[in-house]
């Protein structure tokens, strides 16, 4: 896999993770309760949203990117038949 494709894929996975994490966080009953979806906005607490939102955003961005990078690294380490390692010639010294 080319390096640009791996980088672009990691960015797309990270962006999708952010959108998914924010959507799940916003749809949870706990978040709806803090944002005032109760009777006459009882229990409305924007402080909870302001403290949780950055962590949700970071977790949604970092976790998928780390998993993508780990997968790309593991796939890159896999030996391929007929590769330069089997002939004793390094790909960097060709």
Protein backbone atom coordinates (compact mmCIF):
# COMPACT_ATOMS: atom_id res chain seq x y z
CA UNK A 1 0.00 0.00 0.00
CA UNK A 2 1.31 3.44 -0.81
CA UNK A 3 2.09 5.85 1.98
CA UNK A 4 -0.37 8.52 0.72
CA UNK A 5 -3.19 5.97 0.64
CA UNK A 6 -2.44 4.87 4.19
CA UNK A 7 -2.31 8.47 5.43
CA UNK A 8 -5.53 9.41 3.63
CA UNK A 9 -7.28 6.32 4.93
CA UNK A 10 -6.18 7.09 8.48
CA UNK A 11 -7.55 10.61 8.20
CA UNK A 12 -10.88 9.36 6.86
CA UNK A 13 -11.17 6.76 9.62
CA UNK A 14 -10.34 9.40 12.22
CA UNK A 15 -12.97 11.80 10.85
CA UNK A 16 -15.58 9.04 10.79
CA UNK A 17 -14.65 8.16 14.37
CA UNK A 18 -15.19 11.75 15.51
CA UNK A 19 -18.59 11.94 13.84
CA UNK A 20 -19.63 8.56 15.25
CA UNK A 21 -18.42 9.35 18.78
CA UNK A 22 -20.18 12.73 18.83
CA UNK A 23 -23.39 11.18 17.49
CA UNK A 24 -23.37 8.39 20.09
CA UNK A 25 -22.55 10.82 22.89
CA UNK A 26 -25.32 13.21 21.80
CA UNK A 27 -27.89 10.43 21.49
CA UNK A 28 -27.26 8.95 24.94
CA UNK A 29 -29.91 9.38 27.61
CA UNK A 30 -27.38 10.87 30.03
CA UNK A 31 -26.40 13.62 27.60
CA UNK A 32 -30.00 14.35 26.69
CA UNK A 33 -30.79 14.72 30.39
CA UNK A 34 -27.90 17.18 30.90
CA UNK A 35 -28.85 19.24 27.86
CA UNK A 36 -32.38 19.79 29.14
CA UNK A 37 -34.62 17.25 27.49
CA UNK A 38 -36.58 16.76 30.67
CA UNK A 39 -39.76 18.45 31.79
CA UNK A 40 -39.26 22.24 31.81
CA UNK A 41 -35.47 21.82 31.43
CA UNK A 42 -35.06 20.38 34.93
CA UNK A 43 -31.52 19.12 35.43
CA UNK A 44 -30.02 21.21 32.64
CA UNK A 45 -26.24 21.25 33.11
CA UNK A 46 -24.05 22.62 30.33
CA UNK A 47 -20.97 22.16 32.51
CA UNK A 48 -21.19 18.41 31.98
CA UNK A 49 -21.32 18.91 28.22
CA UNK A 50 -18.34 21.28 28.25
CA UNK A 51 -16.20 18.86 30.24
CA UNK A 52 -17.17 15.70 28.35
CA UNK A 53 -17.21 17.03 24.79
CA UNK A 54 -13.42 17.46 24.37
CA UNK A 55 -12.80 13.92 25.64
CA UNK A 56 -15.42 12.47 23.30
CA UNK A 57 -13.91 14.37 20.37
CA UNK A 58 -10.35 13.25 21.17
CA UNK A 59 -11.32 9.64 21.78
CA UNK A 60 -13.28 9.57 18.52
CA UNK A 61 -10.28 10.92 16.63
CA UNK A 62 -7.41 9.09 18.31
CA UNK A 63 -8.73 5.56 18.83
CA UNK A 64 -9.64 4.84 15.17
CA UNK A 65 -6.39 6.45 13.95
CA UNK A 66 -4.30 4.30 16.30
CA UNK A 67 -6.13 1.14 15.24
CA UNK A 68 -5.70 2.08 11.55
CA UNK A 69 -1.99 2.79 12.04
CA UNK A 70 -1.44 -0.45 13.92
CA UNK A 71 -3.20 -2.40 11.17
CA UNK A 72 -1.16 -0.66 8.46
CA UNK A 73 2.06 -1.35 10.37
CA UNK A 74 1.21 -5.02 10.83
CA UNK A 75 0.27 -5.43 7.18
CA UNK A 76 3.48 -3.69 6.12
CA UNK A 77 5.58 -6.07 8.19
CA UNK A 78 4.02 -9.14 6.64
CA UNK A 79 6.43 -10.95 4.34
CA UNK A 80 5.43 -11.18 0.72
CA UNK A 81 6.64 -14.00 -1.54
CA UNK A 82 9.40 -12.79 -3.86
CA UNK A 83 10.17 -9.70 -1.80
CA UNK A 84 13.66 -8.19 -1.60
CA UNK A 85 14.15 -9.63 1.91
CA UNK A 86 14.25 -13.17 0.56
CA UNK A 87 16.97 -12.31 -1.98
CA UNK A 88 19.20 -10.69 0.64
CA UNK A 89 19.03 -7.23 -0.98
CA UNK A 90 17.64 -4.38 1.03
CA UNK A 91 14.99 -2.25 -0.64
CA UNK A 92 16.78 0.87 0.57
CA UNK A 93 20.07 -0.02 -1.13
CA UNK A 94 18.76 -1.02 -4.54
